[in-house]
Amino acid sequence: MKKILIVDDDKSIVDVLTETLAGEDRTIRWAYDGKGALNWISKEVFDLIVCDLMMPKVHGFQILEWVRSNPGCNTTRVVILTAKSYKLDADKAKKGGADMFISKPFEIADLKEKIDKLLS
């Protein structure tokens, strides 16, 4: 069973990703801000975290840093999904250990294919 955490302050994005990534072999959790994400991450180990950057309370780079510095999360894949499309942000995400950086808007079928590959 694969565990996926979706973190975005936009409920419609969370809903679309939950519907797209759900499957019999997947458990989906979600949070609408970074603080909620850290709460989930402190209780469960996830195979994949799909995370926005610009969120209230705790932003995506802080979540990425927490995940990459926590030995219990060393196999967790992190996809940054954000409206920020600056090369500087993409570079920072990659240097911070993100497995993928995807700018919004995105093609849902393309995103699903990339995530399926990360999880296989």
C-alpha atoms as a PDB file:
ATOM      1  CA  MET A   1       0.000   0.000   0.000  1.00  0.00           C
ATOM      2  CA  LYS A   2       1.477   3.357  -1.061  1.00  0.00           C
ATOM      3  CA  LYS A   3       0.856   6.381   1.160  1.00  0.00           C
ATOM      4  CA  ILE A   4       0.542   9.789  -0.473  1.00  0.00           C
ATOM      5  CA  LEU A   5       0.254  13.176   1.229  1.00  0.00           C
ATOM      6  CA  ILE A   6      -1.119  16.099  -0.791  1.00  0.00           C
ATOM      7  CA  VAL A   7      -0.377  19.554   0.621  1.00  0.00           C
ATOM      8  CA  ASP A   8      -1.953  22.628  -0.954  1.00  0.00           C
ATOM      9  CA  ASP A   9      -3.956  25.566   0.362  1.00  0.00           C
ATOM     10  CA  ASP A  10      -6.211  25.397  -2.718  1.00  0.00           C
ATOM     11  CA  LYS A  11      -8.985  22.887  -1.995  1.00  0.00           C
ATOM     12  CA  SER A  12      -9.728  22.388  -5.701  1.00  0.00           C
ATOM     13  CA  ILE A  13      -6.121  21.276  -6.324  1.00  0.00           C
ATOM     14  CA  VAL A  14      -6.297  18.879  -3.376  1.00  0.00           C
ATOM     15  CA  ASP A  15      -9.584  17.459  -4.686  1.00  0.00           C
ATOM     16  CA  VAL A  16      -8.272  16.967  -8.247  1.00  0.00           C
ATOM     17  CA  LEU A  17      -5.058  15.343  -7.055  1.00  0.00           C
ATOM     18  CA  THR A  18      -6.880  13.105  -4.592  1.00  0.00           C
ATOM     19  CA  GLU A  19      -9.222  11.884  -7.314  1.00  0.00           C
ATOM     20  CA  THR A  20      -6.402  11.449  -9.841  1.00  0.00           C
ATOM     21  CA  LEU A  21      -3.937   9.662  -7.586  1.00  0.00           C
ATOM     22  CA  ALA A  22      -6.381   7.456  -5.671  1.00  0.00           C
ATOM     23  CA  GLY A  23      -6.299   3.733  -6.264  1.00  0.00           C
ATOM     24  CA  GLU A  24      -6.820   0.421  -4.512  1.00  0.00           C
ATOM     25  CA  ASP A  25      -3.136   0.272  -3.616  1.00  0.00           C
ATOM     26  CA  ARG A  26      -2.926   3.885  -2.390  1.00  0.00           C
ATOM     27  CA  THR A  27      -3.894   5.738   0.749  1.00  0.00           C
ATOM     28  CA  ILE A  28      -4.304   9.483   0.294  1.00  0.00           C
ATOM     29  CA  ARG A  29      -4.011  12.039   3.084  1.00  0.00           C
ATOM     30  CA  TRP A  30      -4.153  15.796   2.651  1.00  0.00           C
ATOM     31  CA  ALA A  31      -3.438  19.065   4.397  1.00  0.00           C
ATOM     32  CA  TYR A  32      -4.395  22.614   3.474  1.00  0.00           C
ATOM     33  CA  ASP A  33      -1.323  24.226   5.038  1.00  0.00           C
ATOM     34  CA  GLY A  34       2.215  23.371   6.006  1.00  0.00           C
ATOM     35  CA  LYS A  35       1.454  22.989   9.695  1.00  0.00           C
ATOM     36  CA  GLY A  36      -1.133  20.324   8.906  1.00  0.00           C
ATOM     37  CA  ALA A  37       1.380  18.591   6.636  1.00  0.00           C
ATOM     38  CA  LEU A  38       4.010  18.457   9.377  1.00  0.00           C
ATOM     39  CA  ASN A  39       1.389  17.024  11.710  1.00  0.00           C
ATOM     40  CA  TRP A  40       0.733  14.154   9.252  1.00  0.00           C
ATOM     41  CA  ILE A  41       4.450  13.622   8.544  1.00  0.00           C
ATOM     42  CA  SER A  42       5.226  13.361  12.250  1.00  0.00           C
ATOM     43  CA  LYS A  43       2.668  10.527  12.603  1.00  0.00           C
ATOM     44  CA  GLU A  44       3.077   8.548   9.374  1.00  0.00           C
ATOM     45  CA  VAL A  45       5.747   7.688   6.819  1.00  0.00           C
ATOM     46  CA  PHE A  46       4.705   8.581   3.275  1.00  0.00           C
ATOM     47  CA  ASP A  47       5.941   7.162  -0.001  1.00  0.00           C
ATOM     48  CA  LEU A  48       5.163  10.447  -1.748  1.00  0.00           C
ATOM     49  CA  ILE A  49       4.424  14.022  -0.754  1.00  0.00           C
ATOM     50  CA  VAL A  50       3.005  16.422  -3.342  1.00  0.00           C
ATOM     51  CA  CYS A  51       3.528  19.880  -1.917  1.00  0.00           C
ATOM     52  CA  ASP A  52       2.783  23.477  -2.872  1.00  0.00           C
ATOM     53  CA  LEU A  53       5.359  26.136  -1.983  1.00  0.00           C
ATOM     54  CA  MET A  54       3.253  29.159  -1.075  1.00  0.00           C
ATOM     55  CA  MET A  55       1.085  28.210   1.885  1.00  0.00           C
ATOM     56  CA  PRO A  56       0.095  29.711   5.210  1.00  0.00           C
ATOM     57  CA  LYS A  57       1.899  28.890   8.468  1.00  0.00           C
ATOM     58  CA  VAL A  58       4.692  26.725   7.024  1.00  0.00           C
ATOM     59  CA  HIS A  59       5.768  26.968   3.387  1.00  0.00           C
ATOM     60  CA  GLY A  60       6.780  24.144   1.069  1.00  0.00           C
ATOM     61  CA  PHE A  61      10.535  24.682   1.325  1.00  0.00           C
ATOM     62  CA  GLN A  62      10.293  24.243   5.100  1.00  0.00           C
ATOM     63  CA  ILE A  63       8.390  20.989   4.617  1.00  0.00           C
ATOM     64  CA  LEU A  64      10.975  19.775   2.103  1.00  0.00           C
ATOM     65  CA  GLU A  65      13.787  20.635   4.512  1.00  0.00           C
ATOM     66  CA  TRP A  66      12.046  18.824   7.374  1.00  0.00           C
ATOM     67  CA  VAL A  67      11.451  15.708   5.279  1.00  0.00           C
ATOM     68  CA  ARG A  68      15.027  15.588   3.962  1.00  0.00           C
ATOM     69  CA  SER A  69      16.525  16.098   7.439  1.00  0.00           C
ATOM     70  CA  ASN A  70      14.382  13.391   9.053  1.00  0.00           C
ATOM     71  CA  PRO A  71      15.997   9.914   8.785  1.00  0.00           C
ATOM     72  CA  GLY A  72      12.569   8.272   8.994  1.00  0.00           C
ATOM     73  CA  CYS A  73      11.637   9.910   5.678  1.00  0.00           C
ATOM     74  CA  ASN A  74      14.732   8.950   3.688  1.00  0.00           C
ATOM     75  CA  THR A  75      12.689   7.007   1.115  1.00  0.00           C
ATOM     76  CA  THR A  76       9.909   9.601   0.803  1.00  0.00           C
ATOM     77  CA  ARG A  77       9.637  11.125  -2.672  1.00  0.00           C
ATOM     78  CA  VAL A  78       8.753  14.829  -2.799  1.00  0.00           C
ATOM     79  CA  VAL A  79       7.079  16.572  -5.727  1.00  0.00           C
ATOM     80  CA  ILE A  80       6.885  20.352  -5.570  1.00  0.00           C
ATOM     81  CA  LEU A  81       3.763  21.548  -7.388  1.00  0.00           C
ATOM     82  CA  THR A  82       3.570  25.335  -7.447  1.00  0.00           C
ATOM     83  CA  ALA A  83       2.472  28.465  -9.265  1.00  0.00           C
ATOM     84  CA  LYS A  84       6.020  29.766  -8.803  1.00  0.00           C
ATOM     85  CA  SER A  85       7.770  29.045 -12.061  1.00  0.00           C
ATOM     86  CA  TYR A  86      11.055  30.845 -11.501  1.00  0.00           C
ATOM     87  CA  LYS A  87      14.238  28.924 -12.268  1.00  0.00           C
ATOM     88  CA  LEU A  88      15.581  30.048  -8.889  1.00  0.00           C
ATOM     89  CA  ASP A  89      12.712  28.227  -7.111  1.00  0.00           C
ATOM     90  CA  ALA A  90      13.168  25.097  -9.220  1.00  0.00           C
ATOM     91  CA  ASP A  91      16.897  25.087  -8.506  1.00  0.00           C
ATOM     92  CA  LYS A  92      16.303  25.611  -4.779  1.00  0.00           C
ATOM     93  CA  ALA A  93      13.798  22.735  -4.722  1.00  0.00           C
ATOM     94  CA  LYS A  94      16.194  20.378  -6.512  1.00  0.00           C
ATOM     95  CA  LYS A  95      19.116  21.367  -4.279  1.00  0.00           C
ATOM     96  CA  GLY A  96      16.848  20.812  -1.276  1.00  0.00           C
ATOM     97  CA  GLY A  97      16.126  17.255  -2.378  1.00  0.00           C
ATOM     98  CA  ALA A  98      12.857  17.495  -4.308  1.00  0.00           C
ATOM     99  CA  ASP A  99      12.418  14.632  -6.741  1.00  0.00           C
ATOM    100  CA  MET A 100      10.387  16.759  -9.121  1.00  0.00           C
ATOM    101  CA  PHE A 101       9.371  20.409  -9.614  1.00  0.00           C
ATOM    102  CA  ILE A 102       6.153  21.045 -11.554  1.00  0.00           C
ATOM    103  CA  SER A 103       4.685  24.466 -12.284  1.00  0.00           C
ATOM    104  CA  LYS A 104       0.958  25.220 -12.218  1.00  0.00           C
ATOM    105  CA  PRO A 105      -1.025  25.059 -14.360  1.00  0.00           C
ATOM    106  CA  PHE A 106      -0.220  21.450 -15.162  1.00  0.00           C
ATOM    107  CA  GLU A 107      -1.611  18.689 -17.342  1.00  0.00           C
ATOM    108  CA  ILE A 108      -3.235  16.186 -14.970  1.00  0.00           C
ATOM    109  CA  ALA A 109      -2.500  13.167 -17.197  1.00  0.00           C
ATOM    110  CA  ASP A 110       1.160  14.174 -17.443  1.00  0.00           C
ATOM    111  CA  LEU A 111       1.399  14.676 -13.683  1.00  0.00           C
ATOM    112  CA  LYS A 112      -0.234  11.294 -13.014  1.00  0.00           C
ATOM    113  CA  GLU A 113       2.186   9.552 -15.364  1.00  0.00           C
ATOM    114  CA  LYS A 114       5.212  11.173 -13.691  1.00  0.00           C
ATOM    115  CA  ILE A 115       3.944  10.320 -10.203  1.00  0.00           C
ATOM    116  CA  ASP A 116       3.157   6.740 -11.186  1.00  0.00           C
ATOM    117  CA  LYS A 117       6.779   6.388 -12.372  1.00  0.00           C
ATOM    118  CA  LEU A 118       8.096   7.822  -9.095  1.00  0.00           C
ATOM    119  CA  LEU A 119       6.033   5.314  -7.127  1.00  0.00           C
ATOM    120  CA  SER A 120       6.985   2.262  -9.178  1.00  0.00           C
END
